[in-house]
Amino acid sequence: MPNALSVTGLSDIGRVRRRNEDSLALIPGLGVAIVADGMGGHPGGDVASRIAAETAARLLESALVRAESNGVHDRRALLRTAMEHSVLSAHAEIRKEGAAQPELEGMGTTLTAMILDRDTGTFVIGHVGDSRAYRLRAGELTQLTRDDTWIQQQIERGDIPPENAKRSPYAHLLTQCLGLEETPTPQVLEGGAEPGDAFLLCSDGLVGMLDDAAMASLLSEALEHDRSADATTAVRALLDAANDAGGHDNITAALIRFA
């Protein structure tokens, strides 16, 4: 019997911003979810995030469809190659659009994308910036990606305690993103899902309002009460809680469930 897989997501403007610079792309039938967060204060942040999400989704879908048609055996290697290519191609497309429209020069975005293979439980994540990917397993929420931020570098050096990170004026200073002149080096992570796992991809508008413990509690409770294939209620609970906490930024979340 094949594994059950569901992919859902929502995006919200929040309570402070005048426009939504986040983008979301989902391909439920192929186990793909993508979250991109355009750089606030830069020209065309919404354009950059849209290009990134659409480009990555298109290329991942194409690679997965070809793999199904050709009967590829080394699925993990294919997923990893497709993910890295998709992220770097998204960067190139943003650069191309910026060159064509000088008023958009300097636009940039984060990108966090995930593929979960229904048959094997193999997952691959591609990541640049400070959006995040988490795994919820048995009620415990684990961050899988590393934030590409100056503050994260300071935490790892021991110069700033983690509990002070959110209060720092440099908390959102990125060390790399898609769209700027320097080509990023994506984090490409891979692993295996277990039945019952759920994977959360989200922009920093969510994690800036809720800590990991609160997100774990909300998700666990919502998923426990909604065992249907559609977990939109769980995602909605996260967005509502972030808005209730202030909604200082755009909020986007995608959830992939594996059962």
C-alpha atoms as a PDB file:
ATOM      1  CA  MET A   1       0.000   0.000   0.000  1.00  0.00           C
ATOM      2  CA  PRO A   2       1.529   3.381  -1.012  1.00  0.00           C
ATOM      3  CA  ASN A   3       2.361   5.962   1.610  1.00  0.00           C
ATOM      4  CA  ALA A   4      -0.081   8.837   2.095  1.00  0.00           C
ATOM      5  CA  LEU A   5       1.282  12.273   1.323  1.00  0.00           C
ATOM      6  CA  SER A   6      -0.350  15.684   1.605  1.00  0.00           C
ATOM      7  CA  VAL A   7       0.984  19.125   0.739  1.00  0.00           C
ATOM      8  CA  THR A   8      -0.750  22.342   1.745  1.00  0.00           C
ATOM      9  CA  GLY A   9       0.160  25.953   2.445  1.00  0.00           C
ATOM     10  CA  LEU A  10      -1.080  29.495   3.010  1.00  0.00           C
ATOM     11  CA  SER A  11       0.291  33.032   2.838  1.00  0.00           C
ATOM     12  CA  ASP A  12      -0.916  36.098   4.750  1.00  0.00           C
ATOM     13  CA  ILE A  13       0.043  39.755   4.472  1.00  0.00           C
ATOM     14  CA  GLY A  14       0.161  40.120   8.254  1.00  0.00           C
ATOM     15  CA  ARG A  15      -1.033  43.166  10.191  1.00  0.00           C
ATOM     16  CA  VAL A  16       1.667  45.742   9.452  1.00  0.00           C
ATOM     17  CA  ARG A  17       2.976  45.439   5.883  1.00  0.00           C
ATOM     18  CA  ARG A  18       1.187  47.067   2.949  1.00  0.00           C
ATOM     19  CA  ARG A  19       1.968  44.294   0.476  1.00  0.00           C
ATOM     20  CA  ASN A  20       2.830  40.625   0.596  1.00  0.00           C
ATOM     21  CA  GLU A  21       6.398  40.003  -0.566  1.00  0.00           C
ATOM     22  CA  ASP A  22       6.231  36.278   0.236  1.00  0.00           C
ATOM     23  CA  SER A  23       5.508  33.677  -2.444  1.00  0.00           C
ATOM     24  CA  LEU A  24       4.300  30.107  -2.152  1.00  0.00           C
ATOM     25  CA  ALA A  25       4.342  27.271  -4.696  1.00  0.00           C
ATOM     26  CA  LEU A  26       2.896  23.799  -4.131  1.00  0.00           C
ATOM     27  CA  ILE A  27       2.820  20.681  -6.304  1.00  0.00           C
ATOM     28  CA  PRO A  28       0.860  18.274  -4.094  1.00  0.00           C
ATOM     29  CA  GLY A  29       0.956  15.319  -6.484  1.00  0.00           C
ATOM     30  CA  LEU A  30       4.756  15.361  -6.521  1.00  0.00           C
ATOM     31  CA  GLY A  31       5.365  16.188  -2.849  1.00  0.00           C
ATOM     32  CA  VAL A  32       6.844  19.636  -3.568  1.00  0.00           C
ATOM     33  CA  ALA A  33       6.514  22.795  -1.471  1.00  0.00           C
ATOM     34  CA  ILE A  34       8.372  26.090  -1.896  1.00  0.00           C
ATOM     35  CA  VAL A  35       8.446  29.224   0.273  1.00  0.00           C
ATOM     36  CA  ALA A  36      10.191  32.440  -0.797  1.00  0.00           C
ATOM     37  CA  ASP A  37      10.425  35.717   1.139  1.00  0.00           C
ATOM     38  CA  GLY A  38      11.313  38.834  -0.868  1.00  0.00           C
ATOM     39  CA  MET A  39      13.735  41.205   0.789  1.00  0.00           C
ATOM     40  CA  GLY A  40      11.799  43.982   2.494  1.00  0.00           C
ATOM     41  CA  GLY A  41      13.006  47.478   1.738  1.00  0.00           C
ATOM     42  CA  HIS A  42      14.513  46.432  -1.593  1.00  0.00           C
ATOM     43  CA  PRO A  43      12.978  47.135  -4.990  1.00  0.00           C
ATOM     44  CA  GLY A  44      10.866  44.286  -6.289  1.00  0.00           C
ATOM     45  CA  GLY A  45      11.028  41.937  -3.315  1.00  0.00           C
ATOM     46  CA  ASP A  46       7.646  40.545  -4.311  1.00  0.00           C
ATOM     47  CA  VAL A  47       8.822  40.121  -7.903  1.00  0.00           C
ATOM     48  CA  ALA A  48      11.973  38.281  -6.799  1.00  0.00           C
ATOM     49  CA  SER A  49      10.083  35.876  -4.545  1.00  0.00           C
ATOM     50  CA  ARG A  50       7.516  35.146  -7.257  1.00  0.00           C
ATOM     51  CA  ILE A  51      10.217  34.433  -9.853  1.00  0.00           C
ATOM     52  CA  ALA A  52      12.090  32.195  -7.414  1.00  0.00           C
ATOM     53  CA  ALA A  53       9.045  30.152  -6.408  1.00  0.00           C
ATOM     54  CA  GLU A  54       7.719  29.786  -9.947  1.00  0.00           C
ATOM     55  CA  THR A  55      11.103  28.916 -11.463  1.00  0.00           C
ATOM     56  CA  ALA A  56      11.960  26.335  -8.810  1.00  0.00           C
ATOM     57  CA  ALA A  57       8.497  24.759  -9.051  1.00  0.00           C
ATOM     58  CA  ARG A  58       8.640  24.528 -12.838  1.00  0.00           C
ATOM     59  CA  LEU A  59      12.084  22.944 -12.916  1.00  0.00           C
ATOM     60  CA  LEU A  60      11.410  20.525 -10.066  1.00  0.00           C
ATOM     61  CA  GLU A  61       8.178  19.397 -11.707  1.00  0.00           C
ATOM     62  CA  SER A  62       9.941  18.889 -15.033  1.00  0.00           C
ATOM     63  CA  ALA A  63      12.733  16.851 -13.434  1.00  0.00           C
ATOM     64  CA  LEU A  64      10.320  14.667 -11.458  1.00  0.00           C
ATOM     65  CA  VAL A  65       8.075  14.015 -14.461  1.00  0.00           C
ATOM     66  CA  ARG A  66      11.109  13.022 -16.567  1.00  0.00           C
ATOM     67  CA  ALA A  67      12.272  10.705 -13.802  1.00  0.00           C
ATOM     68  CA  GLU A  68       8.889   8.981 -13.716  1.00  0.00           C
ATOM     69  CA  SER A  69       8.916   8.552 -17.489  1.00  0.00           C
ATOM     70  CA  ASN A  70      12.475   7.252 -17.663  1.00  0.00           C
ATOM     71  CA  GLY A  71      12.338   4.988 -14.623  1.00  0.00           C
ATOM     72  CA  VAL A  72      15.345   6.487 -12.827  1.00  0.00           C
ATOM     73  CA  HIS A  73      16.781   4.097 -10.234  1.00  0.00           C
ATOM     74  CA  ASP A  74      19.002   6.418  -8.164  1.00  0.00           C
ATOM     75  CA  ARG A  75      16.147   8.568  -6.941  1.00  0.00           C
ATOM     76  CA  ARG A  76      18.073  10.325  -4.178  1.00  0.00           C
ATOM     77  CA  ALA A  77      20.833  11.518  -6.519  1.00  0.00           C
ATOM     78  CA  LEU A  78      18.279  12.779  -9.026  1.00  0.00           C
ATOM     79  CA  LEU A  79      16.349  14.712  -6.375  1.00  0.00           C
ATOM     80  CA  ARG A  80      19.512  16.325  -5.055  1.00  0.00           C
ATOM     81  CA  THR A  81      20.718  17.353  -8.516  1.00  0.00           C
ATOM     82  CA  ALA A  82      17.284  18.678  -9.473  1.00  0.00           C
ATOM     83  CA  MET A  83      17.026  20.699  -6.276  1.00  0.00           C
ATOM     84  CA  GLU A  84      20.417  22.368  -6.601  1.00  0.00           C
ATOM     85  CA  HIS A  85      19.775  23.155 -10.272  1.00  0.00           C
ATOM     86  CA  SER A  86      16.360  24.625  -9.476  1.00  0.00           C
ATOM     87  CA  VAL A  87      17.654  26.935  -6.741  1.00  0.00           C
ATOM     88  CA  LEU A  88      20.557  28.246  -8.812  1.00  0.00           C
ATOM     89  CA  SER A  89      18.318  28.660 -11.866  1.00  0.00           C
ATOM     90  CA  ALA A  90      15.908  30.708  -9.744  1.00  0.00           C
ATOM     91  CA  HIS A  91      18.814  32.984  -8.834  1.00  0.00           C
ATOM     92  CA  ALA A  92      19.777  33.321 -12.502  1.00  0.00           C
ATOM     93  CA  GLU A  93      16.201  34.191 -13.509  1.00  0.00           C
ATOM     94  CA  ILE A  94      16.008  36.940 -10.907  1.00  0.00           C
ATOM     95  CA  ARG A  95      19.299  38.379 -12.132  1.00  0.00           C
ATOM     96  CA  LYS A  96      18.033  38.240 -15.708  1.00  0.00           C
ATOM     97  CA  GLU A  97      14.839  40.105 -14.818  1.00  0.00           C
ATOM     98  CA  GLY A  98      16.781  42.700 -12.859  1.00  0.00           C
ATOM     99  CA  ALA A  99      19.023  43.352 -15.850  1.00  0.00           C
ATOM    100  CA  ALA A 100      15.980  43.739 -18.113  1.00  0.00           C
ATOM    101  CA  GLN A 101      14.252  46.139 -15.712  1.00  0.00           C
ATOM    102  CA  PRO A 102      16.809  48.501 -14.121  1.00  0.00           C
ATOM    103  CA  GLU A 103      14.282  49.687 -11.526  1.00  0.00           C
ATOM    104  CA  LEU A 104      14.346  46.140 -10.101  1.00  0.00           C
ATOM    105  CA  GLU A 105      18.134  45.894  -9.902  1.00  0.00           C
ATOM    106  CA  GLY A 106      19.080  44.715  -6.419  1.00  0.00           C
ATOM    107  CA  MET A 107      15.924  42.713  -5.779  1.00  0.00           C
ATOM    108  CA  GLY A 108      16.432  39.539  -3.792  1.00  0.00           C
ATOM    109  CA  THR A 109      14.670  36.763  -1.951  1.00  0.00           C
ATOM    110  CA  THR A 110      15.099  33.784   0.292  1.00  0.00           C
ATOM    111  CA  LEU A 111      14.084  30.343  -0.959  1.00  0.00           C
ATOM    112  CA  THR A 112      13.331  27.146   0.925  1.00  0.00           C
ATOM    113  CA  ALA A 113      12.097  24.231  -1.180  1.00  0.00           C
ATOM    114  CA  MET A 114      11.385  20.594  -0.391  1.00  0.00           C
ATOM    115  CA  ILE A 115      10.659  17.405  -2.308  1.00  0.00           C
ATOM    116  CA  LEU A 116       9.317  14.366  -0.442  1.00  0.00           C
ATOM    117  CA  ASP A 117       9.187  11.126  -2.410  1.00  0.00           C
ATOM    118  CA  ARG A 118       6.001   9.248  -1.583  1.00  0.00           C
ATOM    119  CA  ASP A 119       7.362   5.793  -2.428  1.00  0.00           C
ATOM    120  CA  THR A 120      10.638   5.870  -0.515  1.00  0.00           C
ATOM    121  CA  GLY A 121      10.158   8.611   2.089  1.00  0.00           C
ATOM    122  CA  THR A 122      13.327  10.279   0.816  1.00  0.00           C
ATOM    123  CA  PHE A 123      13.320  14.050   1.103  1.00  0.00           C
ATOM    124  CA  VAL A 124      15.597  16.755  -0.267  1.00  0.00           C
ATOM    125  CA  ILE A 125      15.592  20.395   0.825  1.00  0.00           C
ATOM    126  CA  GLY A 126      17.156  23.322  -1.003  1.00  0.00           C
ATOM    127  CA  HIS A 127      17.706  26.475   1.037  1.00  0.00           C
ATOM    128  CA  VAL A 128      19.127  29.985   0.790  1.00  0.00           C
ATOM    129  CA  GLY A 129      18.376  32.770   3.281  1.00  0.00           C
ATOM    130  CA  ASP A 130      16.449  32.798   6.557  1.00  0.00           C
ATOM    131  CA  SER A 131      13.180  31.116   5.728  1.00  0.00           C
ATOM    132  CA  ARG A 132      13.222  27.719   7.413  1.00  0.00           C
ATOM    133  CA  ALA A 133      12.389  24.034   7.130  1.00  0.00           C
ATOM    134  CA  TYR A 134      11.404  22.035  10.215  1.00  0.00           C
ATOM    135  CA  ARG A 135      10.465  18.418  10.922  1.00  0.00           C
ATOM    136  CA  LEU A 136       7.729  17.608  13.420  1.00  0.00           C
ATOM    137  CA  ARG A 137       8.174  14.075  14.758  1.00  0.00           C
ATOM    138  CA  ALA A 138       6.348  12.725  17.808  1.00  0.00           C
ATOM    139  CA  GLY A 139       5.571  16.265  18.939  1.00  0.00           C
ATOM    140  CA  GLU A 140       9.163  17.493  18.682  1.00  0.00           C
ATOM    141  CA  LEU A 141       9.958  20.265  16.203  1.00  0.00           C
ATOM    142  CA  THR A 142      13.498  20.216  14.799  1.00  0.00           C
ATOM    143  CA  GLN A 143      14.955  22.938  12.595  1.00  0.00           C
ATOM    144  CA  LEU A 144      16.588  21.295   9.567  1.00  0.00           C
ATOM    145  CA  THR A 145      17.978  24.337   7.760  1.00  0.00           C
ATOM    146  CA  ARG A 146      20.605  26.809   8.895  1.00  0.00           C
ATOM    147  CA  ASP A 147      19.802  30.525   8.732  1.00  0.00           C
ATOM    148  CA  ASP A 148      22.046  32.412   6.302  1.00  0.00           C
ATOM    149  CA  THR A 149      22.296  35.425   8.600  1.00  0.00           C
ATOM    150  CA  TRP A 150      24.982  37.482  10.300  1.00  0.00           C
ATOM    151  CA  ILE A 151      23.370  36.796  13.664  1.00  0.00           C
ATOM    152  CA  GLN A 152      23.596  33.024  13.113  1.00  0.00           C
ATOM    153  CA  GLN A 153      27.314  33.379  12.446  1.00  0.00           C
ATOM    154  CA  GLN A 154      27.711  35.232  15.741  1.00  0.00           C
ATOM    155  CA  ILE A 155      25.738  32.558  17.598  1.00  0.00           C
ATOM    156  CA  GLU A 156      27.943  29.821  16.170  1.00  0.00           C
ATOM    157  CA  ARG A 157      31.060  31.758  17.179  1.00  0.00           C
ATOM    158  CA  GLY A 158      29.680  32.091  20.711  1.00  0.00           C
ATOM    159  CA  ASP A 159      29.560  35.897  20.553  1.00  0.00           C
ATOM    160  CA  ILE A 160      25.768  36.154  21.000  1.00  0.00           C
ATOM    161  CA  PRO A 161      23.551  33.789  23.025  1.00  0.00           C
ATOM    162  CA  PRO A 162      20.705  32.297  20.949  1.00  0.00           C
ATOM    163  CA  GLU A 163      18.046  33.760  23.235  1.00  0.00           C
ATOM    164  CA  ASN A 164      19.223  37.286  22.324  1.00  0.00           C
ATOM    165  CA  ALA A 165      19.087  36.752  18.569  1.00  0.00           C
ATOM    166  CA  LYS A 166      15.514  37.958  17.985  1.00  0.00           C
ATOM    167  CA  ARG A 167      16.160  41.205  19.871  1.00  0.00           C
ATOM    168  CA  SER A 168      19.215  42.114  17.817  1.00  0.00           C
ATOM    169  CA  PRO A 169      18.787  44.932  15.253  1.00  0.00           C
ATOM    170  CA  TYR A 170      20.814  42.715  12.897  1.00  0.00           C
ATOM    171  CA  ALA A 171      18.584  39.663  13.290  1.00  0.00           C
ATOM    172  CA  HIS A 172      17.470  39.761   9.644  1.00  0.00           C
ATOM    173  CA  LEU A 173      20.776  40.716   8.033  1.00  0.00           C
ATOM    174  CA  LEU A 174      21.285  38.024   5.397  1.00  0.00           C
ATOM    175  CA  THR A 175      24.692  36.676   4.440  1.00  0.00           C
ATOM    176  CA  GLN A 176      23.339  35.321   1.161  1.00  0.00           C
ATOM    177  CA  CYS A 177      20.121  35.268  -0.833  1.00  0.00           C
ATOM    178  CA  LEU A 178      18.913  34.805  -4.388  1.00  0.00           C
ATOM    179  CA  GLY A 179      19.151  37.706  -6.808  1.00  0.00           C
ATOM    180  CA  LEU A 180      22.132  39.743  -5.689  1.00  0.00           C
ATOM    181  CA  GLU A 181      25.383  39.877  -7.619  1.00  0.00           C
ATOM    182  CA  GLU A 182      27.176  37.095  -5.771  1.00  0.00           C
ATOM    183  CA  THR A 183      25.933  33.623  -6.684  1.00  0.00           C
ATOM    184  CA  PRO A 184      24.729  31.882  -3.511  1.00  0.00           C
ATOM    185  CA  THR A 185      25.812  28.475  -2.290  1.00  0.00           C
ATOM    186  CA  PRO A 186      22.575  26.617  -1.509  1.00  0.00           C
ATOM    187  CA  GLN A 187      22.223  24.290   1.422  1.00  0.00           C
ATOM    188  CA  VAL A 188      21.022  20.993  -0.040  1.00  0.00           C
ATOM    189  CA  LEU A 189      19.898  18.615   2.694  1.00  0.00           C
ATOM    190  CA  GLU A 190      18.579  15.102   2.386  1.00  0.00           C
ATOM    191  CA  GLY A 191      17.112  12.484   4.678  1.00  0.00           C
ATOM    192  CA  GLY A 192      14.315  10.033   5.252  1.00  0.00           C
ATOM    193  CA  ALA A 193      10.789  10.610   6.526  1.00  0.00           C
ATOM    194  CA  GLU A 194       9.028   8.244   8.897  1.00  0.00           C
ATOM    195  CA  PRO A 195       5.270   7.630   8.903  1.00  0.00           C
ATOM    196  CA  GLY A 196       3.654  10.349  11.004  1.00  0.00           C
ATOM    197  CA  ASP A 197       6.271  12.992  10.185  1.00  0.00           C
ATOM    198  CA  ALA A 198       5.221  16.481   9.131  1.00  0.00           C
ATOM    199  CA  PHE A 199       7.541  19.031   7.547  1.00  0.00           C
ATOM    200  CA  LEU A 200       7.008  22.769   7.939  1.00  0.00           C
ATOM    201  CA  LEU A 201       8.470  25.330   5.557  1.00  0.00           C
ATOM    202  CA  CYS A 202       7.959  28.951   6.604  1.00  0.00           C
ATOM    203  CA  SER A 203       9.069  32.530   6.166  1.00  0.00           C
ATOM    204  CA  ASP A 204      10.567  34.518   9.024  1.00  0.00           C
ATOM    205  CA  GLY A 205       7.231  36.259   9.510  1.00  0.00           C
ATOM    206  CA  LEU A 206       6.164  33.116  11.352  1.00  0.00           C
ATOM    207  CA  VAL A 207       9.298  32.381  13.395  1.00  0.00           C
ATOM    208  CA  GLY A 208       9.662  36.071  14.255  1.00  0.00           C
ATOM    209  CA  MET A 209       6.316  35.923  16.069  1.00  0.00           C
ATOM    210  CA  LEU A 210       6.321  32.388  17.510  1.00  0.00           C
ATOM    211  CA  ASP A 211       9.095  30.372  19.108  1.00  0.00           C
ATOM    212  CA  ASP A 212       9.690  26.732  18.205  1.00  0.00           C
ATOM    213  CA  ALA A 213       7.904  25.420  21.282  1.00  0.00           C
ATOM    214  CA  ALA A 214       4.748  27.364  20.441  1.00  0.00           C
ATOM    215  CA  MET A 215       4.823  26.190  16.822  1.00  0.00           C
ATOM    216  CA  ALA A 216       5.305  22.574  17.896  1.00  0.00           C
ATOM    217  CA  SER A 217       2.373  22.770  20.298  1.00  0.00           C
ATOM    218  CA  LEU A 218       0.055  24.427  17.768  1.00  0.00           C
ATOM    219  CA  LEU A 219       0.945  22.015  14.993  1.00  0.00           C
ATOM    220  CA  SER A 220       0.697  18.908  17.144  1.00  0.00           C
ATOM    221  CA  GLU A 221      -2.682  19.911  18.515  1.00  0.00           C
ATOM    222  CA  ALA A 222      -4.093  20.892  15.122  1.00  0.00           C
ATOM    223  CA  LEU A 223      -2.854  17.737  13.398  1.00  0.00           C
ATOM    224  CA  GLU A 224      -4.161  15.555  16.202  1.00  0.00           C
ATOM    225  CA  HIS A 225      -7.648  16.997  15.756  1.00  0.00           C
ATOM    226  CA  ASP A 226      -7.527  17.009  11.939  1.00  0.00           C
ATOM    227  CA  ARG A 227      -6.462  13.656  10.597  1.00  0.00           C
ATOM    228  CA  SER A 228      -7.904  14.324   7.144  1.00  0.00           C
ATOM    229  CA  ALA A 229      -5.649  14.491   4.106  1.00  0.00           C
ATOM    230  CA  ASP A 230      -5.958  18.291   4.040  1.00  0.00           C
ATOM    231  CA  ALA A 231      -3.982  19.898   6.869  1.00  0.00           C
ATOM    232  CA  THR A 232      -4.908  23.464   5.955  1.00  0.00           C
ATOM    233  CA  THR A 233      -6.452  23.975   9.390  1.00  0.00           C
ATOM    234  CA  ALA A 234      -3.065  23.333  11.001  1.00  0.00           C
ATOM    235  CA  VAL A 235      -1.356  25.883   8.756  1.00  0.00           C
ATOM    236  CA  ARG A 236      -4.152  28.376   9.374  1.00  0.00           C
ATOM    237  CA  ALA A 237      -3.671  27.950  13.131  1.00  0.00           C
ATOM    238  CA  LEU A 238      -0.011  28.939  12.786  1.00  0.00           C
ATOM    239  CA  LEU A 239      -0.776  32.026  10.702  1.00  0.00           C
ATOM    240  CA  ASP A 240      -3.560  33.119  13.038  1.00  0.00           C
ATOM    241  CA  ALA A 241      -1.270  32.778  16.057  1.00  0.00           C
ATOM    242  CA  ALA A 242       1.467  34.818  14.360  1.00  0.00           C
ATOM    243  CA  ASN A 243      -1.064  37.545  13.563  1.00  0.00           C
ATOM    244  CA  ASP A 244      -2.385  37.466  17.117  1.00  0.00           C
ATOM    245  CA  ALA A 245       1.190  37.966  18.329  1.00  0.00           C
ATOM    246  CA  GLY A 246       1.508  41.127  16.236  1.00  0.00           C
ATOM    247  CA  GLY A 247       1.764  40.046  12.595  1.00  0.00           C
ATOM    248  CA  HIS A 248       4.765  42.325  12.046  1.00  0.00           C
ATOM    249  CA  ASP A 249       5.712  40.718   8.725  1.00  0.00           C
ATOM    250  CA  ASN A 250       4.188  38.712   5.905  1.00  0.00           C
ATOM    251  CA  ILE A 251       3.571  35.134   7.046  1.00  0.00           C
ATOM    252  CA  THR A 252       3.834  32.079   4.811  1.00  0.00           C
ATOM    253  CA  ALA A 253       3.842  28.411   5.759  1.00  0.00           C
ATOM    254  CA  ALA A 254       3.656  25.109   3.894  1.00  0.00           C
ATOM    255  CA  LEU A 255       3.147  21.705   5.453  1.00  0.00           C
ATOM    256  CA  ILE A 256       4.030  18.307   4.016  1.00  0.00           C
ATOM    257  CA  ARG A 257       2.605  15.297   5.881  1.00  0.00           C
ATOM    258  CA  PHE A 258       3.866  11.756   5.420  1.00  0.00           C
ATOM    259  CA  ALA A 259       1.871   8.819   6.700  1.00  0.00           C
END
